[in-house]
C-alpha atoms as a PDB file:
ATOM      1  CA  MET A   1      33.483 -54.660 214.402  1.00  0.00           C
ATOM      2  CA  ASP A   2      36.226 -57.218 214.351  1.00  0.00           C
ATOM      3  CA  GLU A   3      36.468 -59.990 216.881  1.00  0.00           C
ATOM      4  CA  SER A   4      39.614 -60.436 218.915  1.00  0.00           C
ATOM      5  CA  ARG A   5      42.191 -62.745 217.399  1.00  0.00           C
ATOM      6  CA  ASP A   6      41.152 -65.812 219.379  1.00  0.00           C
ATOM      7  CA  GLY A   7      37.447 -65.187 218.729  1.00  0.00           C
ATOM      8  CA  VAL A   8      36.769 -64.469 222.402  1.00  0.00           C
ATOM      9  CA  ILE A   9      35.487 -61.045 223.394  1.00  0.00           C
ATOM     10  CA  ARG A  10      37.201 -59.745 226.525  1.00  0.00           C
ATOM     11  CA  VAL A  11      34.995 -57.714 228.836  1.00  0.00           C
ATOM     12  CA  GLU A  12      36.124 -55.885 231.964  1.00  0.00           C
ATOM     13  CA  GLN A  13      34.411 -53.441 234.310  1.00  0.00           C
ATOM     14  CA  GLY A  14      36.116 -50.034 234.281  1.00  0.00           C
ATOM     15  CA  ARG A  15      36.473 -47.662 237.215  1.00  0.00           C
ATOM     16  CA  LYS A  16      37.118 -44.301 235.560  1.00  0.00           C
ATOM     17  CA  ARG A  17      34.484 -41.636 235.065  1.00  0.00           C
ATOM     18  CA  VAL A  18      33.944 -41.424 231.298  1.00  0.00           C
ATOM     19  CA  ARG A  19      32.193 -38.554 229.521  1.00  0.00           C
ATOM     20  CA  ALA A  20      31.575 -37.579 225.912  1.00  0.00           C
ATOM     21  CA  PHE A  21      30.429 -34.278 224.397  1.00  0.00           C
ATOM     22  CA  LEU A  22      28.708 -33.461 221.110  1.00  0.00           C
ATOM     23  CA  GLY A  23      28.366 -29.830 220.090  1.00  0.00           C
ATOM     24  CA  GLY A  24      29.084 -28.796 223.663  1.00  0.00           C
ATOM     25  CA  GLN A  25      26.321 -31.053 224.985  1.00  0.00           C
ATOM     26  CA  LEU A  26      27.072 -33.830 227.462  1.00  0.00           C
ATOM     27  CA  VAL A  27      25.932 -37.046 225.769  1.00  0.00           C
ATOM     28  CA  VAL A  28      27.646 -39.714 227.925  1.00  0.00           C
ATOM     29  CA  ASP A  29      28.417 -39.534 231.631  1.00  0.00           C
ATOM     30  CA  THR A  30      29.147 -42.767 233.443  1.00  0.00           C
ATOM     31  CA  LEU A  31      30.979 -44.119 236.460  1.00  0.00           C
ATOM     32  CA  ARG A  32      30.374 -47.636 235.149  1.00  0.00           C
ATOM     33  CA  PRO A  33      32.159 -47.902 231.814  1.00  0.00           C
ATOM     34  CA  VAL A  34      32.726 -51.378 230.440  1.00  0.00           C
ATOM     35  CA  LEU A  35      35.917 -52.055 228.503  1.00  0.00           C
ATOM     36  CA  VAL A  36      35.316 -54.435 225.602  1.00  0.00           C
ATOM     37  CA  TRP A  37      38.181 -55.777 223.515  1.00  0.00           C
ATOM     38  CA  GLU A  38      36.436 -56.283 220.187  1.00  0.00           C
ATOM     39  CA  TRP A  39      39.889 -56.572 218.636  1.00  0.00           C
ATOM     40  CA  THR A  40      43.251 -57.269 220.195  1.00  0.00           C
ATOM     41  CA  ARG A  41      45.007 -53.909 219.971  1.00  0.00           C
ATOM     42  CA  TYR A  42      42.862 -51.745 222.252  1.00  0.00           C
ATOM     43  CA  PRO A  43      39.491 -51.704 224.012  1.00  0.00           C
ATOM     44  CA  THR A  44      36.218 -49.904 223.269  1.00  0.00           C
ATOM     45  CA  TYR A  45      33.959 -48.292 225.842  1.00  0.00           C
ATOM     46  CA  TYR A  46      30.416 -49.561 226.327  1.00  0.00           C
ATOM     47  CA  VAL A  47      28.192 -47.647 228.758  1.00  0.00           C
ATOM     48  CA  PRO A  48      24.902 -48.429 230.523  1.00  0.00           C
ATOM     49  CA  VAL A  49      21.982 -47.144 228.475  1.00  0.00           C
ATOM     50  CA  GLU A  50      20.776 -44.994 231.382  1.00  0.00           C
ATOM     51  CA  ASP A  51      24.124 -43.157 231.351  1.00  0.00           C
ATOM     52  CA  VAL A  52      23.599 -41.943 227.795  1.00  0.00           C
ATOM     53  CA  ARG A  53      22.350 -38.379 228.251  1.00  0.00           C
ATOM     54  CA  ALA A  54      21.347 -37.875 224.616  1.00  0.00           C
ATOM     55  CA  GLU A  55      18.338 -39.233 222.770  1.00  0.00           C
ATOM     56  CA  LEU A  56      18.919 -42.599 221.125  1.00  0.00           C
ATOM     57  CA  VAL A  57      16.884 -42.648 217.923  1.00  0.00           C
ATOM     58  CA  PRO A  58      16.493 -46.070 216.235  1.00  0.00           C
ATOM     59  CA  THR A  59      17.326 -45.995 212.547  1.00  0.00           C
ATOM     60  CA  GLY A  60      15.557 -49.293 211.876  1.00  0.00           C
ATOM     61  CA  GLU A  61      18.848 -50.822 210.765  1.00  0.00           C
ATOM     62  CA  VAL A  62      19.808 -54.089 212.457  1.00  0.00           C
ATOM     63  CA  LEU A  63      23.177 -55.627 211.720  1.00  0.00           C
ATOM     64  CA  PRO A  64      23.892 -59.348 212.204  1.00  0.00           C
ATOM     65  CA  THR A  65      27.171 -59.852 214.053  1.00  0.00           C
ATOM     66  CA  GLY A  66      28.948 -62.556 215.980  1.00  0.00           C
ATOM     67  CA  ARG A  67      27.733 -60.856 219.150  1.00  0.00           C
ATOM     68  CA  GLY A  68      24.067 -60.903 218.269  1.00  0.00           C
ATOM     69  CA  ARG A  69      21.849 -58.488 216.363  1.00  0.00           C
ATOM     70  CA  ALA A  70      23.090 -54.905 216.607  1.00  0.00           C
ATOM     71  CA  ALA A  71      20.424 -52.190 216.449  1.00  0.00           C
ATOM     72  CA  VAL A  72      21.848 -48.964 215.027  1.00  0.00           C
ATOM     73  CA  HIS A  73      20.803 -45.618 216.526  1.00  0.00           C
ATOM     74  CA  ASP A  74      21.317 -41.954 215.799  1.00  0.00           C
ATOM     75  CA  LEU A  75      22.463 -39.799 218.709  1.00  0.00           C
ATOM     76  CA  ARG A  76      20.504 -36.554 219.142  1.00  0.00           C
ATOM     77  CA  ALA A  77      21.389 -33.721 221.536  1.00  0.00           C
ATOM     78  CA  GLY A  78      20.942 -29.948 221.552  1.00  0.00           C
ATOM     79  CA  GLY A  79      19.530 -29.845 218.050  1.00  0.00           C
ATOM     80  CA  LEU A  80      22.441 -31.868 216.650  1.00  0.00           C
ATOM     81  CA  THR A  81      22.229 -35.386 215.292  1.00  0.00           C
ATOM     82  CA  ALA A  82      25.155 -37.778 214.962  1.00  0.00           C
ATOM     83  CA  PRO A  83      23.947 -40.381 212.437  1.00  0.00           C
ATOM     84  CA  ARG A  84      24.493 -44.078 213.142  1.00  0.00           C
ATOM     85  CA  ALA A  85      26.507 -43.115 216.221  1.00  0.00           C
ATOM     86  CA  ALA A  86      25.374 -45.787 218.663  1.00  0.00           C
ATOM     87  CA  VAL A  87      24.743 -49.528 218.741  1.00  0.00           C
ATOM     88  CA  ARG A  88      22.738 -51.696 221.131  1.00  0.00           C
ATOM     89  CA  TYR A  89      22.785 -55.481 220.979  1.00  0.00           C
ATOM     90  CA  LEU A  90      19.329 -57.024 221.028  1.00  0.00           C
ATOM     91  CA  ASP A  91      20.296 -60.564 221.988  1.00  0.00           C
ATOM     92  CA  PRO A  92      24.018 -60.646 222.840  1.00  0.00           C
ATOM     93  CA  PRO A  93      25.455 -64.043 223.721  1.00  0.00           C
ATOM     94  CA  VAL A  94      27.919 -62.162 225.954  1.00  0.00           C
ATOM     95  CA  ALA A  95      25.809 -61.438 229.032  1.00  0.00           C
ATOM     96  CA  GLU A  96      27.849 -58.391 230.053  1.00  0.00           C
ATOM     97  CA  LEU A  97      26.815 -56.541 226.867  1.00  0.00           C
ATOM     98  CA  ARG A  98      23.111 -56.537 227.748  1.00  0.00           C
ATOM     99  CA  ASP A  99      21.687 -53.091 228.507  1.00  0.00           C
ATOM    100  CA  LEU A 100      24.869 -51.422 227.257  1.00  0.00           C
ATOM    101  CA  VAL A 101      25.413 -48.962 224.421  1.00  0.00           C
ATOM    102  CA  ARG A 102      28.497 -48.477 222.298  1.00  0.00           C
ATOM    103  CA  VAL A 103      28.845 -44.875 221.155  1.00  0.00           C
ATOM    104  CA  GLU A 104      31.170 -44.636 218.171  1.00  0.00           C
ATOM    105  CA  TRP A 105      34.373 -42.887 219.235  1.00  0.00           C
ATOM    106  CA  ALA A 106      34.568 -40.567 216.222  1.00  0.00           C
ATOM    107  CA  ALA A 107      30.858 -39.676 216.309  1.00  0.00           C
ATOM    108  CA  VAL A 108      31.313 -37.207 219.170  1.00  0.00           C
ATOM    109  CA  ASP A 109      33.598 -34.202 219.546  1.00  0.00           C
ATOM    110  CA  GLN A 110      35.525 -35.104 222.689  1.00  0.00           C
ATOM    111  CA  TRP A 111      35.913 -37.915 225.206  1.00  0.00           C
ATOM    112  CA  PHE A 112      37.162 -37.525 228.760  1.00  0.00           C
ATOM    113  CA  GLU A 113      38.553 -40.042 231.229  1.00  0.00           C
ATOM    114  CA  GLU A 114      37.970 -38.303 234.556  1.00  0.00           C
ATOM    115  CA  ASP A 115      38.799 -34.659 233.657  1.00  0.00           C
ATOM    116  CA  GLU A 116      41.488 -35.388 231.076  1.00  0.00           C
ATOM    117  CA  PRO A 117      40.721 -35.458 227.342  1.00  0.00           C
ATOM    118  CA  VAL A 118      41.597 -38.687 225.569  1.00  0.00           C
ATOM    119  CA  SER A 119      42.036 -39.164 221.820  1.00  0.00           C
ATOM    120  CA  VAL A 120      41.845 -41.987 219.288  1.00  0.00           C
ATOM    121  CA  HIS A 121      40.553 -44.717 221.644  1.00  0.00           C
ATOM    122  CA  PRO A 122      40.301 -45.566 225.357  1.00  0.00           C
ATOM    123  CA  ARG A 123      43.556 -46.158 227.150  1.00  0.00           C
ATOM    124  CA  ASP A 124      44.287 -49.837 227.644  1.00  0.00           C
ATOM    125  CA  PRO A 125      44.895 -50.540 231.356  1.00  0.00           C
ATOM    126  CA  TYR A 126      47.329 -53.310 230.355  1.00  0.00           C
ATOM    127  CA  LYS A 127      49.495 -51.166 228.074  1.00  0.00           C
ATOM    128  CA  ARG A 128      52.628 -49.652 229.601  1.00  0.00           C
ATOM    129  CA  ILE A 129      55.058 -47.070 228.282  1.00  0.00           C
ATOM    130  CA  ASP A 130      58.645 -46.778 229.535  1.00  0.00           C
ATOM    131  CA  ALA A 131      60.850 -43.988 228.164  1.00  0.00           C
ATOM    132  CA  LEU A 132      64.445 -44.685 229.169  1.00  0.00           C
ATOM    133  CA  ALA A 133      67.428 -42.408 228.604  1.00  0.00           C
ATOM    134  CA  SER A 134      70.350 -44.291 227.051  1.00  0.00           C
ATOM    135  CA  SER A 135      73.957 -43.777 225.955  1.00  0.00           C
ATOM    136  CA  ARG A 136      73.760 -46.341 223.141  1.00  0.00           C
ATOM    137  CA  ARG A 137      74.864 -45.068 219.754  1.00  0.00           C
ATOM    138  CA  VAL A 138      72.070 -44.845 217.215  1.00  0.00           C
ATOM    139  CA  ARG A 139      72.877 -44.167 213.565  1.00  0.00           C
ATOM    140  CA  VAL A 140      70.347 -43.745 210.787  1.00  0.00           C
ATOM    141  CA  GLU A 141      71.185 -43.966 207.086  1.00  0.00           C
ATOM    142  CA  LEU A 142      68.922 -43.430 204.119  1.00  0.00           C
ATOM    143  CA  GLY A 143      69.946 -43.843 200.509  1.00  0.00           C
ATOM    144  CA  GLY A 144      73.540 -44.380 201.650  1.00  0.00           C
ATOM    145  CA  VAL A 145      73.616 -41.012 203.464  1.00  0.00           C
ATOM    146  CA  LEU A 146      74.039 -40.624 207.233  1.00  0.00           C
ATOM    147  CA  VAL A 147      70.918 -38.802 208.399  1.00  0.00           C
ATOM    148  CA  ALA A 148      71.295 -39.056 212.184  1.00  0.00           C
ATOM    149  CA  ASP A 149      74.012 -39.992 214.658  1.00  0.00           C
ATOM    150  CA  SER A 150      73.338 -39.839 218.384  1.00  0.00           C
ATOM    151  CA  THR A 151      74.619 -41.162 221.696  1.00  0.00           C
ATOM    152  CA  ARG A 152      71.712 -39.533 223.565  1.00  0.00           C
ATOM    153  CA  PRO A 153      68.644 -41.548 222.575  1.00  0.00           C
ATOM    154  CA  VAL A 154      65.570 -42.054 224.686  1.00  0.00           C
ATOM    155  CA  ILE A 155      64.282 -45.564 224.012  1.00  0.00           C
ATOM    156  CA  LEU A 156      60.514 -45.895 224.160  1.00  0.00           C
ATOM    157  CA  TYR A 157      59.298 -49.341 225.189  1.00  0.00           C
ATOM    158  CA  GLU A 158      55.552 -49.720 224.590  1.00  0.00           C
ATOM    159  CA  THR A 159      53.683 -52.918 225.334  1.00  0.00           C
ATOM    160  CA  GLY A 160      53.192 -54.993 222.178  1.00  0.00           C
ATOM    161  CA  LEU A 161      55.336 -52.755 219.950  1.00  0.00           C
ATOM    162  CA  PRO A 162      59.023 -52.754 218.986  1.00  0.00           C
ATOM    163  CA  PRO A 163      61.297 -50.272 220.790  1.00  0.00           C
ATOM    164  CA  ARG A 164      61.484 -46.829 219.202  1.00  0.00           C
ATOM    165  CA  TYR A 165      64.632 -44.750 219.388  1.00  0.00           C
ATOM    166  CA  TYR A 166      63.906 -41.063 219.958  1.00  0.00           C
ATOM    167  CA  LEU A 167      66.818 -38.766 219.152  1.00  0.00           C
ATOM    168  CA  PRO A 168      67.514 -35.101 219.901  1.00  0.00           C
ATOM    169  CA  LEU A 169      66.572 -33.105 216.836  1.00  0.00           C
ATOM    170  CA  THR A 170      70.044 -31.521 216.858  1.00  0.00           C
ATOM    171  CA  ASP A 171      71.535 -34.982 216.192  1.00  0.00           C
ATOM    172  CA  VAL A 172      69.614 -35.192 212.897  1.00  0.00           C
ATOM    173  CA  ARG A 173      70.688 -33.599 209.589  1.00  0.00           C
ATOM    174  CA  GLN A 174      68.419 -30.552 209.539  1.00  0.00           C
ATOM    175  CA  ASP A 175      69.294 -29.718 205.932  1.00  0.00           C
ATOM    176  CA  LEU A 176      67.712 -32.987 204.754  1.00  0.00           C
ATOM    177  CA  LEU A 177      64.388 -32.574 206.569  1.00  0.00           C
ATOM    178  CA  ARG A 178      61.216 -31.412 204.858  1.00  0.00           C
ATOM    179  CA  PRO A 179      58.105 -30.651 206.963  1.00  0.00           C
ATOM    180  CA  SER A 180      55.086 -32.823 206.249  1.00  0.00           C
ATOM    181  CA  ALA A 181      51.384 -32.089 206.554  1.00  0.00           C
ATOM    182  CA  LEU A 182      50.824 -35.460 208.239  1.00  0.00           C
ATOM    183  CA  ARG A 183      49.700 -35.505 211.872  1.00  0.00           C
ATOM    184  CA  THR A 184      48.782 -38.524 213.980  1.00  0.00           C
ATOM    185  CA  SER A 185      47.481 -38.840 217.520  1.00  0.00           C
ATOM    186  CA  CYS A 186      48.108 -41.372 220.272  1.00  0.00           C
ATOM    187  CA  PRO A 187      46.179 -41.655 223.562  1.00  0.00           C
ATOM    188  CA  TYR A 188      49.450 -42.294 225.427  1.00  0.00           C
ATOM    189  CA  LYS A 189      51.819 -39.794 223.795  1.00  0.00           C
ATOM    190  CA  GLY A 190      49.853 -36.960 222.161  1.00  0.00           C
ATOM    191  CA  THR A 191      49.910 -35.519 218.635  1.00  0.00           C
ATOM    192  CA  ALA A 192      52.912 -36.141 216.399  1.00  0.00           C
ATOM    193  CA  ASP A 193      54.327 -33.980 213.611  1.00  0.00           C
ATOM    194  CA  TYR A 194      56.068 -35.682 210.684  1.00  0.00           C
ATOM    195  CA  TRP A 195      58.987 -34.903 208.404  1.00  0.00           C
ATOM    196  CA  SER A 196      60.166 -36.305 205.111  1.00  0.00           C
ATOM    197  CA  VAL A 197      63.837 -36.709 204.215  1.00  0.00           C
ATOM    198  CA  GLU A 198      65.268 -35.632 200.852  1.00  0.00           C
ATOM    199  CA  VAL A 199      68.404 -37.503 199.804  1.00  0.00           C
ATOM    200  CA  GLY A 200      69.966 -37.302 196.349  1.00  0.00           C
ATOM    201  CA  GLY A 201      66.865 -35.708 194.866  1.00  0.00           C
ATOM    202  CA  THR A 202      64.573 -38.445 196.256  1.00  0.00           C
ATOM    203  CA  LEU A 203      61.958 -37.512 198.838  1.00  0.00           C
ATOM    204  CA  HIS A 204      61.344 -40.216 201.422  1.00  0.00           C
ATOM    205  CA  ARG A 205      57.979 -39.237 202.770  1.00  0.00           C
ATOM    206  CA  ASP A 206      57.018 -39.192 206.442  1.00  0.00           C
ATOM    207  CA  VAL A 207      59.914 -41.330 207.681  1.00  0.00           C
ATOM    208  CA  LEU A 208      60.304 -39.598 211.037  1.00  0.00           C
ATOM    209  CA  TRP A 209      58.036 -38.019 213.577  1.00  0.00           C
ATOM    210  CA  GLY A 210      58.183 -36.215 216.876  1.00  0.00           C
ATOM    211  CA  TYR A 211      56.033 -34.760 219.647  1.00  0.00           C
ATOM    212  CA  ARG A 212      56.573 -31.069 220.362  1.00  0.00           C
ATOM    213  CA  THR A 213      54.631 -31.610 223.580  1.00  0.00           C
ATOM    214  CA  THR A 214      53.493 -34.904 225.041  1.00  0.00           C
ATOM    215  CA  LEU A 215      51.135 -36.312 227.597  1.00  0.00           C
ATOM    216  CA  PRO A 216      52.750 -36.562 231.061  1.00  0.00           C
ATOM    217  CA  GLU A 217      53.630 -40.266 230.864  1.00  0.00           C
ATOM    218  CA  SER A 218      55.741 -39.662 227.742  1.00  0.00           C
ATOM    219  CA  ALA A 219      57.375 -36.376 228.756  1.00  0.00           C
ATOM    220  CA  LYS A 220      60.930 -37.687 228.172  1.00  0.00           C
ATOM    221  CA  ILE A 221      60.428 -37.787 224.389  1.00  0.00           C
ATOM    222  CA  ALA A 222      59.071 -34.240 224.056  1.00  0.00           C
ATOM    223  CA  GLY A 223      60.985 -32.380 221.358  1.00  0.00           C
ATOM    224  CA  MET A 224      62.730 -35.540 220.109  1.00  0.00           C
ATOM    225  CA  VAL A 225      62.210 -37.484 216.885  1.00  0.00           C
ATOM    226  CA  ALA A 226      62.026 -41.144 215.897  1.00  0.00           C
ATOM    227  CA  PHE A 227      62.481 -42.856 212.543  1.00  0.00           C
ATOM    228  CA  HIS A 228      60.424 -45.617 210.998  1.00  0.00           C
ATOM    229  CA  ASP A 229      62.981 -48.364 211.571  1.00  0.00           C
ATOM    230  CA  GLU A 230      61.391 -50.393 208.783  1.00  0.00           C
ATOM    231  CA  ARG A 231      62.035 -47.673 206.200  1.00  0.00           C
ATOM    232  CA  VAL A 232      65.602 -46.657 207.050  1.00  0.00           C
ATOM    233  CA  HIS A 233      68.867 -48.404 207.911  1.00  0.00           C
ATOM    234  CA  LEU A 234      69.072 -47.982 211.691  1.00  0.00           C
ATOM    235  CA  THR A 235      71.842 -49.429 213.835  1.00  0.00           C
ATOM    236  CA  VAL A 236      72.276 -49.475 217.608  1.00  0.00           C
ATOM    237  CA  ASP A 237      75.879 -49.851 218.743  1.00  0.00           C
ATOM    238  CA  GLY A 238      76.669 -51.154 215.263  1.00  0.00           C
ATOM    239  CA  ALA A 239      73.962 -53.816 215.185  1.00  0.00           C
ATOM    240  CA  PRO A 240      70.610 -53.568 213.359  1.00  0.00           C
ATOM    241  CA  GLY A 241      68.050 -51.861 215.573  1.00  0.00           C
END
């Protein structure tokens, strides 16, 4: 686990009901989740040990960390075992971490905040997404070829990230697109499909993506696509994007 950039661990009491399932078995069910920013980009959920509904089996492994000694546990439920899936701190210098358990996000099959599934990591209560329709002209070139030209972008402003310009797929050169096997997930937007662009016999891999369907807060970008600004020449009203 990495410490946050300033070396200070942020801890905040959550208010959502948080649940996790393994093999169809409820293994976490809490109304008292604790959000812990172990790194700066997003928080991790810690839960009171009594709200872990699975068996915590000590592995005997104890890891020295900047937050005290971390005892590693397997998680056992319904005949299934998730190895090294949980950590308890034996002597944490951060008082709020006492009597809490961190269940590794990827060790279980599904997490829920209230009754909605959440992927990748907990939602950060301080992260905001604004998707704004715009009439600014966005042009994208790659290898000297115009790949997209649109005056109907939706600009996605996401806390801590540069703006992304989502374009109608019909404003992109369809003949240059090649479907990719890459998929990524975001707890705020959903699951993205990727495309590569072939220009002059050169395949530029995974340079644009889009969400066929989105989570409700990002509905305006459903069916649209965005380019990796860093990998193409993108201009907005004639200026670099």
